[in-house]
N, C-alpha and C. Protein backbone atom coordinates (compact mmCIF):
# COMPACT_ATOMS: atom_id res chain seq x y z
N MET A 1 42.14 -16.03 5.54
CA MET A 1 41.69 -14.65 5.45
C MET A 1 40.34 -14.55 4.72
N GLU A 2 40.20 -15.28 3.60
CA GLU A 2 38.96 -15.25 2.83
C GLU A 2 37.82 -15.81 3.64
N TYR A 3 38.07 -16.83 4.46
CA TYR A 3 37.03 -17.43 5.29
C TYR A 3 36.49 -16.39 6.28
N ASN A 4 37.39 -15.58 6.84
CA ASN A 4 36.96 -14.53 7.78
C ASN A 4 36.08 -13.50 7.06
N GLN A 5 36.46 -13.17 5.84
CA GLN A 5 35.67 -12.21 5.07
C GLN A 5 34.28 -12.77 4.77
N ILE A 6 34.25 -14.05 4.41
CA ILE A 6 32.95 -14.69 4.12
C ILE A 6 32.07 -14.72 5.33
N SER A 7 32.65 -15.14 6.47
CA SER A 7 31.84 -15.22 7.69
C SER A 7 31.40 -13.84 8.16
N GLN A 8 32.27 -12.84 7.97
CA GLN A 8 31.90 -11.45 8.32
C GLN A 8 30.74 -10.98 7.43
N LEU A 9 30.86 -11.23 6.15
CA LEU A 9 29.81 -10.84 5.22
C LEU A 9 28.51 -11.61 5.53
N GLU A 10 28.64 -12.86 5.89
CA GLU A 10 27.47 -13.68 6.26
C GLU A 10 26.79 -13.08 7.48
N ARG A 11 27.55 -12.66 8.47
CA ARG A 11 26.96 -12.03 9.66
C ARG A 11 26.26 -10.74 9.30
N GLU A 12 26.89 -9.95 8.43
CA GLU A 12 26.28 -8.70 7.99
C GLU A 12 24.96 -8.99 7.25
N LEU A 13 24.97 -10.00 6.41
CA LEU A 13 23.76 -10.35 5.67
C LEU A 13 22.66 -10.82 6.63
N ILE A 14 23.01 -11.65 7.59
CA ILE A 14 22.03 -12.16 8.55
C ILE A 14 21.44 -11.01 9.35
N PHE A 15 22.29 -10.08 9.78
CA PHE A 15 21.82 -8.91 10.52
C PHE A 15 20.86 -8.09 9.66
N ALA A 16 21.26 -7.83 8.43
CA ALA A 16 20.44 -7.01 7.51
C ALA A 16 19.10 -7.73 7.23
N LEU A 17 19.18 -9.06 6.99
CA LEU A 17 17.95 -9.79 6.66
C LEU A 17 17.00 -9.90 7.86
N LYS A 18 17.54 -9.98 9.07
CA LYS A 18 16.67 -10.02 10.24
C LYS A 18 15.93 -8.67 10.37
N GLU A 19 16.64 -7.60 10.11
CA GLU A 19 15.99 -6.27 10.11
C GLU A 19 14.89 -6.22 9.07
N GLU A 20 15.18 -6.76 7.88
CA GLU A 20 14.21 -6.75 6.79
C GLU A 20 13.00 -7.61 7.13
N TYR A 21 13.24 -8.74 7.71
CA TYR A 21 12.14 -9.63 8.10
C TYR A 21 11.21 -8.92 9.08
N SER A 22 11.80 -8.27 10.06
CA SER A 22 11.01 -7.52 11.03
C SER A 22 10.22 -6.41 10.34
N PHE A 23 10.87 -5.74 9.41
CA PHE A 23 10.21 -4.65 8.66
C PHE A 23 9.02 -5.18 7.90
N TYR A 24 9.19 -6.30 7.18
CA TYR A 24 8.11 -6.83 6.37
C TYR A 24 6.97 -7.40 7.23
N GLN A 25 7.28 -7.84 8.42
CA GLN A 25 6.20 -8.22 9.35
C GLN A 25 5.39 -7.00 9.73
N SER A 26 6.08 -5.90 10.05
CA SER A 26 5.39 -4.66 10.38
C SER A 26 4.57 -4.14 9.22
N LEU A 27 5.13 -4.28 8.02
CA LEU A 27 4.43 -3.82 6.83
C LEU A 27 3.14 -4.62 6.64
N TYR A 28 3.20 -5.90 6.88
CA TYR A 28 2.01 -6.75 6.75
C TYR A 28 0.92 -6.27 7.73
N ILE A 29 1.32 -6.00 8.94
CA ILE A 29 0.37 -5.53 9.95
C ILE A 29 -0.22 -4.19 9.53
N LEU A 30 0.60 -3.31 8.98
CA LEU A 30 0.13 -2.00 8.53
C LEU A 30 -0.85 -2.14 7.37
N ILE A 31 -0.57 -3.02 6.42
CA ILE A 31 -1.44 -3.22 5.28
C ILE A 31 -2.77 -3.83 5.74
N ASP A 32 -2.68 -4.75 6.68
CA ASP A 32 -3.88 -5.36 7.23
C ASP A 32 -4.75 -4.31 7.93
N LYS A 33 -4.10 -3.43 8.66
CA LYS A 33 -4.81 -2.34 9.34
C LYS A 33 -5.48 -1.43 8.30
N GLN A 34 -4.77 -1.17 7.23
CA GLN A 34 -5.32 -0.35 6.16
C GLN A 34 -6.55 -1.02 5.56
N LYS A 35 -6.47 -2.34 5.38
CA LYS A 35 -7.61 -3.09 4.83
C LYS A 35 -8.83 -2.93 5.72
N ASP A 36 -8.64 -3.07 7.03
CA ASP A 36 -9.74 -2.93 7.98
C ASP A 36 -10.34 -1.54 7.92
N MET A 37 -9.49 -0.52 7.84
CA MET A 37 -10.01 0.84 7.80
C MET A 37 -10.78 1.11 6.52
N VAL A 38 -10.29 0.58 5.42
CA VAL A 38 -10.99 0.76 4.17
C VAL A 38 -12.30 -0.01 4.18
N LYS A 39 -12.24 -1.22 4.67
CA LYS A 39 -13.43 -2.08 4.70
C LYS A 39 -14.53 -1.52 5.56
N PHE A 40 -14.15 -0.96 6.72
CA PHE A 40 -15.14 -0.45 7.65
C PHE A 40 -15.32 1.07 7.53
N GLU A 41 -14.80 1.62 6.44
CA GLU A 41 -14.97 3.02 6.08
C GLU A 41 -14.58 4.00 7.17
N LYS A 42 -13.42 3.75 7.77
CA LYS A 42 -12.88 4.70 8.75
C LYS A 42 -11.88 5.59 8.04
N ASP A 43 -12.42 6.43 7.17
CA ASP A 43 -11.62 7.25 6.28
C ASP A 43 -10.76 8.29 7.00
N GLU A 44 -11.14 8.70 8.19
CA GLU A 44 -10.39 9.75 8.89
C GLU A 44 -8.96 9.34 9.17
N LYS A 45 -8.67 8.08 9.34
CA LYS A 45 -7.31 7.62 9.63
C LYS A 45 -6.60 7.12 8.37
N LEU A 46 -7.29 7.07 7.26
CA LEU A 46 -6.76 6.52 6.04
C LEU A 46 -5.56 7.33 5.50
N LEU A 47 -5.65 8.63 5.60
CA LEU A 47 -4.56 9.49 5.10
C LEU A 47 -3.26 9.22 5.86
N GLU A 48 -3.39 9.05 7.18
CA GLU A 48 -2.21 8.73 7.97
C GLU A 48 -1.59 7.42 7.53
N LEU A 49 -2.44 6.45 7.24
CA LEU A 49 -1.94 5.14 6.82
C LEU A 49 -1.25 5.25 5.46
N PHE A 50 -1.84 6.01 4.55
CA PHE A 50 -1.20 6.15 3.24
C PHE A 50 0.14 6.86 3.37
N THR A 51 0.25 7.83 4.27
CA THR A 51 1.51 8.50 4.52
C THR A 51 2.55 7.50 5.06
N GLU A 52 2.10 6.65 5.97
CA GLU A 52 2.97 5.61 6.52
C GLU A 52 3.42 4.65 5.42
N MET A 53 2.50 4.33 4.51
CA MET A 53 2.84 3.44 3.40
C MET A 53 3.92 4.07 2.51
N GLU A 54 3.84 5.38 2.34
CA GLU A 54 4.86 6.05 1.53
C GLU A 54 6.22 5.95 2.22
N ARG A 55 6.23 6.09 3.53
CA ARG A 55 7.49 5.91 4.27
C ARG A 55 8.02 4.49 4.11
N CYS A 56 7.11 3.53 4.11
CA CYS A 56 7.51 2.13 3.91
C CYS A 56 8.10 1.94 2.53
N HIS A 57 7.52 2.60 1.54
CA HIS A 57 8.05 2.50 0.19
C HIS A 57 9.49 3.01 0.15
N GLN A 58 9.75 4.12 0.82
CA GLN A 58 11.10 4.66 0.88
C GLN A 58 12.02 3.71 1.63
N ARG A 59 11.51 3.08 2.65
CA ARG A 59 12.30 2.10 3.44
C ARG A 59 12.68 0.89 2.59
N ILE A 60 11.76 0.47 1.74
CA ILE A 60 12.06 -0.65 0.83
C ILE A 60 13.19 -0.28 -0.12
N GLN A 61 13.17 0.93 -0.61
CA GLN A 61 14.24 1.41 -1.49
C GLN A 61 15.58 1.38 -0.75
N GLN A 62 15.59 1.81 0.52
CA GLN A 62 16.81 1.80 1.31
C GLN A 62 17.31 0.35 1.48
N SER A 63 16.39 -0.57 1.72
CA SER A 63 16.75 -1.97 1.90
C SER A 63 17.43 -2.52 0.66
N GLU A 64 16.83 -2.24 -0.49
CA GLU A 64 17.40 -2.70 -1.74
C GLU A 64 18.79 -2.11 -1.96
N ASN A 65 18.96 -0.86 -1.64
CA ASN A 65 20.26 -0.22 -1.78
C ASN A 65 21.30 -0.84 -0.85
N LYS A 66 20.88 -1.15 0.38
CA LYS A 66 21.79 -1.73 1.37
C LYS A 66 22.33 -3.07 0.86
N ILE A 67 21.43 -3.93 0.38
CA ILE A 67 21.84 -5.24 -0.11
C ILE A 67 22.69 -5.10 -1.36
N ALA A 68 22.33 -4.15 -2.23
CA ALA A 68 23.11 -3.93 -3.46
C ALA A 68 24.53 -3.46 -3.12
N GLU A 69 24.66 -2.64 -2.09
CA GLU A 69 26.00 -2.19 -1.67
C GLU A 69 26.83 -3.36 -1.13
N LEU A 70 26.20 -4.21 -0.34
CA LEU A 70 26.92 -5.38 0.17
C LEU A 70 27.38 -6.28 -0.98
N LYS A 71 26.54 -6.42 -1.98
CA LYS A 71 26.88 -7.24 -3.12
C LYS A 71 27.96 -6.59 -3.99
N ALA A 72 27.88 -5.28 -4.11
CA ALA A 72 28.85 -4.55 -4.96
C ALA A 72 30.26 -4.58 -4.41
N LYS A 73 30.40 -4.67 -3.09
CA LYS A 73 31.73 -4.70 -2.49
C LYS A 73 32.57 -5.85 -3.03
N ASN A 74 31.93 -7.03 -3.03
CA ASN A 74 32.63 -8.24 -3.55
C ASN A 74 31.59 -9.27 -3.93
N PRO A 75 31.18 -9.26 -5.20
CA PRO A 75 30.10 -10.13 -5.65
C PRO A 75 30.37 -11.64 -5.41
N LYS A 76 31.63 -12.03 -5.57
CA LYS A 76 31.96 -13.45 -5.40
C LYS A 76 31.76 -13.88 -3.95
N LEU A 77 32.27 -13.08 -3.01
CA LEU A 77 32.09 -13.38 -1.60
C LEU A 77 30.61 -13.29 -1.18
N PHE A 78 29.92 -12.33 -1.77
CA PHE A 78 28.51 -12.18 -1.47
C PHE A 78 27.73 -13.41 -1.86
N ASN A 79 27.98 -13.94 -3.03
CA ASN A 79 27.29 -15.16 -3.49
C ASN A 79 27.57 -16.35 -2.58
N ILE A 80 28.80 -16.46 -2.10
CA ILE A 80 29.14 -17.56 -1.18
C ILE A 80 28.43 -17.36 0.15
N ALA A 81 28.48 -16.15 0.68
CA ALA A 81 27.81 -15.86 1.97
C ALA A 81 26.28 -16.00 1.85
N ALA A 82 25.75 -15.63 0.69
CA ALA A 82 24.30 -15.71 0.49
C ALA A 82 23.82 -17.16 0.40
N SER A 83 24.71 -18.08 0.14
CA SER A 83 24.29 -19.46 0.04
C SER A 83 24.31 -20.19 1.39
N ALA A 84 24.69 -19.47 2.45
CA ALA A 84 24.70 -20.07 3.79
C ALA A 84 23.26 -20.41 4.18
N PRO A 85 23.06 -21.52 4.91
CA PRO A 85 21.70 -21.96 5.26
C PRO A 85 20.87 -20.94 6.00
N GLU A 86 21.45 -20.27 6.97
CA GLU A 86 20.65 -19.28 7.73
C GLU A 86 20.26 -18.10 6.87
N VAL A 87 21.16 -17.69 5.99
CA VAL A 87 20.85 -16.57 5.07
C VAL A 87 19.74 -16.97 4.12
N ARG A 88 19.82 -18.18 3.57
CA ARG A 88 18.77 -18.65 2.66
C ARG A 88 17.42 -18.77 3.37
N LYS A 89 17.48 -19.26 4.61
CA LYS A 89 16.24 -19.41 5.41
C LYS A 89 15.59 -18.03 5.62
N LEU A 90 16.39 -17.05 6.00
CA LEU A 90 15.86 -15.71 6.20
C LEU A 90 15.31 -15.12 4.90
N ALA A 91 16.07 -15.31 3.83
CA ALA A 91 15.64 -14.78 2.52
C ALA A 91 14.33 -15.43 2.09
N ASN A 92 14.18 -16.73 2.29
CA ASN A 92 12.91 -17.40 1.95
C ASN A 92 11.76 -16.92 2.83
N SER A 93 12.03 -16.66 4.08
CA SER A 93 11.00 -16.12 4.97
C SER A 93 10.54 -14.75 4.50
N ILE A 94 11.50 -13.94 4.10
CA ILE A 94 11.17 -12.58 3.59
C ILE A 94 10.36 -12.70 2.30
N ILE A 95 10.75 -13.61 1.43
CA ILE A 95 10.02 -13.81 0.18
C ILE A 95 8.57 -14.18 0.46
N THR A 96 8.37 -15.07 1.42
CA THR A 96 7.03 -15.48 1.81
C THR A 96 6.22 -14.29 2.32
N LEU A 97 6.85 -13.49 3.18
CA LEU A 97 6.14 -12.30 3.70
C LEU A 97 5.82 -11.31 2.58
N VAL A 98 6.73 -11.12 1.65
CA VAL A 98 6.51 -10.21 0.55
C VAL A 98 5.30 -10.68 -0.28
N LYS A 99 5.23 -11.99 -0.55
CA LYS A 99 4.11 -12.55 -1.29
C LYS A 99 2.80 -12.30 -0.53
N LYS A 100 2.81 -12.51 0.78
CA LYS A 100 1.60 -12.27 1.57
C LYS A 100 1.22 -10.79 1.53
N ASN A 101 2.23 -9.91 1.60
CA ASN A 101 1.95 -8.49 1.51
C ASN A 101 1.33 -8.11 0.17
N ILE A 102 1.86 -8.70 -0.89
CA ILE A 102 1.33 -8.41 -2.24
C ILE A 102 -0.11 -8.91 -2.35
N ASP A 103 -0.39 -10.09 -1.82
CA ASP A 103 -1.76 -10.60 -1.86
C ASP A 103 -2.71 -9.69 -1.10
N LEU A 104 -2.28 -9.21 0.05
CA LEU A 104 -3.11 -8.32 0.85
C LEU A 104 -3.34 -6.98 0.11
N VAL A 105 -2.31 -6.48 -0.53
CA VAL A 105 -2.44 -5.23 -1.30
C VAL A 105 -3.44 -5.43 -2.43
N ARG A 106 -3.35 -6.57 -3.12
CA ARG A 106 -4.31 -6.84 -4.21
C ARG A 106 -5.73 -6.90 -3.68
N GLU A 107 -5.90 -7.52 -2.53
CA GLU A 107 -7.23 -7.60 -1.90
C GLU A 107 -7.75 -6.21 -1.60
N ASN A 108 -6.86 -5.33 -1.05
CA ASN A 108 -7.24 -3.95 -0.77
C ASN A 108 -7.63 -3.22 -2.06
N GLU A 109 -6.84 -3.43 -3.12
CA GLU A 109 -7.12 -2.75 -4.38
C GLU A 109 -8.46 -3.17 -4.93
N GLU A 110 -8.78 -4.46 -4.88
CA GLU A 110 -10.07 -4.94 -5.37
C GLU A 110 -11.22 -4.30 -4.60
N TYR A 111 -11.08 -4.26 -3.30
CA TYR A 111 -12.13 -3.66 -2.49
C TYR A 111 -12.27 -2.17 -2.80
N LEU A 112 -11.14 -1.48 -2.95
CA LEU A 112 -11.20 -0.05 -3.22
C LEU A 112 -11.75 0.24 -4.62
N LYS A 113 -11.47 -0.62 -5.59
CA LYS A 113 -12.04 -0.43 -6.93
C LYS A 113 -13.55 -0.54 -6.86
N GLY A 114 -14.06 -1.51 -6.14
CA GLY A 114 -15.50 -1.64 -5.97
C GLY A 114 -16.09 -0.43 -5.29
N ARG A 115 -15.42 0.01 -4.28
CA ARG A 115 -15.90 1.19 -3.54
C ARG A 115 -15.87 2.41 -4.43
N HIS A 116 -14.82 2.54 -5.26
CA HIS A 116 -14.67 3.66 -6.18
C HIS A 116 -15.81 3.67 -7.20
N GLU A 117 -16.11 2.52 -7.75
CA GLU A 117 -17.20 2.40 -8.71
C GLU A 117 -18.55 2.79 -8.07
N ARG A 118 -18.75 2.32 -6.85
CA ARG A 118 -19.98 2.64 -6.14
C ARG A 118 -20.10 4.16 -5.93
N LEU A 119 -19.01 4.79 -5.50
CA LEU A 119 -19.02 6.23 -5.28
C LEU A 119 -19.22 6.99 -6.59
N LYS A 120 -18.63 6.51 -7.68
CA LYS A 120 -18.81 7.14 -8.97
C LYS A 120 -20.28 7.10 -9.40
N SER A 121 -20.92 5.97 -9.23
CA SER A 121 -22.34 5.86 -9.62
C SER A 121 -23.18 6.75 -8.74
N GLU A 122 -22.87 6.83 -7.45
CA GLU A 122 -23.64 7.72 -6.55
C GLU A 122 -23.45 9.17 -6.95
N LEU A 123 -22.24 9.55 -7.36
CA LEU A 123 -21.99 10.94 -7.83
C LEU A 123 -22.79 11.23 -9.09
N LYS A 124 -22.85 10.25 -10.01
CA LYS A 124 -23.63 10.48 -11.22
C LYS A 124 -25.10 10.69 -10.89
N GLU A 125 -25.60 9.92 -9.94
CA GLU A 125 -26.99 10.09 -9.52
C GLU A 125 -27.21 11.47 -8.92
N LEU A 126 -26.24 11.92 -8.13
CA LEU A 126 -26.35 13.26 -7.53
C LEU A 126 -26.30 14.34 -8.60
N GLN A 127 -25.43 14.15 -9.61
CA GLN A 127 -25.35 15.11 -10.71
C GLN A 127 -26.67 15.20 -11.44
N ASN A 128 -27.27 14.04 -11.72
CA ASN A 128 -28.57 14.04 -12.40
C ASN A 128 -29.62 14.75 -11.55
N SER A 129 -29.60 14.48 -10.26
CA SER A 129 -30.54 15.16 -9.35
C SER A 129 -30.30 16.66 -9.37
N HIS A 130 -29.04 17.05 -9.40
CA HIS A 130 -28.70 18.47 -9.43
C HIS A 130 -29.19 19.12 -10.71
N LYS A 131 -29.05 18.42 -11.86
CA LYS A 131 -29.54 18.95 -13.12
C LYS A 131 -31.05 19.15 -13.10
N ILE A 132 -31.73 18.18 -12.54
CA ILE A 132 -33.19 18.28 -12.45
C ILE A 132 -33.58 19.45 -11.57
N LEU A 133 -32.90 19.59 -10.42
CA LEU A 133 -33.22 20.73 -9.54
C LEU A 133 -32.90 22.06 -10.20
N ARG A 134 -31.80 22.12 -10.93
CA ARG A 134 -31.44 23.36 -11.61
C ARG A 134 -32.48 23.68 -12.69
N TYR A 135 -32.91 22.68 -13.40
CA TYR A 135 -33.94 22.86 -14.44
C TYR A 135 -35.22 23.41 -13.82
N ILE A 136 -35.61 22.84 -12.68
CA ILE A 136 -36.85 23.28 -12.02
C ILE A 136 -36.69 24.72 -11.54
N ARG A 137 -35.48 25.03 -10.99
CA ARG A 137 -35.30 26.38 -10.46
C ARG A 137 -35.21 27.42 -11.56
N GLU A 138 -34.66 27.04 -12.71
CA GLU A 138 -34.47 27.99 -13.82
C GLU A 138 -35.76 28.29 -14.57
N ALA A 139 -36.74 27.46 -14.41
CA ALA A 139 -38.02 27.70 -15.09
C ALA A 139 -38.62 29.01 -14.58
N GLU A 140 -39.09 29.82 -15.52
CA GLU A 140 -39.65 31.11 -15.11
C GLU A 140 -40.93 30.89 -14.34
N PRO A 141 -41.10 31.67 -13.31
CA PRO A 141 -42.34 31.51 -12.53
C PRO A 141 -43.55 31.90 -13.38
N VAL A 142 -44.54 31.09 -13.32
CA VAL A 142 -45.76 31.34 -14.07
C VAL A 142 -46.79 31.93 -13.10
N PRO A 143 -47.43 33.01 -13.50
CA PRO A 143 -48.44 33.60 -12.59
C PRO A 143 -49.60 32.64 -12.36
N LEU A 144 -49.97 32.55 -11.16
CA LEU A 144 -51.07 31.69 -10.79
C LEU A 144 -52.36 32.51 -10.77
N PHE A 145 -53.38 31.99 -11.36
CA PHE A 145 -54.68 32.67 -11.36
C PHE A 145 -55.58 31.96 -10.40
N ILE A 146 -56.05 32.73 -9.45
CA ILE A 146 -56.99 32.18 -8.49
C ILE A 146 -58.27 33.02 -8.62
N ASN A 147 -59.32 32.38 -8.94
CA ASN A 147 -60.61 33.05 -9.12
C ASN A 147 -60.54 34.18 -10.13
N GLY A 148 -59.75 34.01 -11.19
CA GLY A 148 -59.66 35.00 -12.25
C GLY A 148 -58.81 36.19 -11.89
N LYS A 149 -58.10 36.19 -10.73
CA LYS A 149 -57.28 37.33 -10.33
C LYS A 149 -55.83 36.89 -10.27
N ASN A 150 -54.91 37.82 -10.49
CA ASN A 150 -53.48 37.56 -10.40
C ASN A 150 -53.02 37.56 -8.97
């Protein structure tokens, strides 16, 4: 009876992990797409991508809850099923994808920080230009004398 429970839990884990692997592959593609849009300044689609990223964040939470529920049912059986070769292989593949996703996110963050600093300096330059223009405009007009006449 216990063997059946272990094999059933192993099948459930394999099914769940295959779904997760597919999800993390899609997430990698999405983050890479985001990187390209940021890099090539295609800002009009960026908001859609960030919205999609938020959905992915919620999906990750669901994934963690799903695995936690499987473990909570019977931790001892879960540990035995989790040690199965195919389960470990899938888990390692997911770990590798997560690491790649994190590296790509870091790369995006570095690029965006540089872009943010550049935009900040450009805004400061514009503010200084605006102050100069305001100063020039606020100066009272001085009457011009041409040939001794106003």
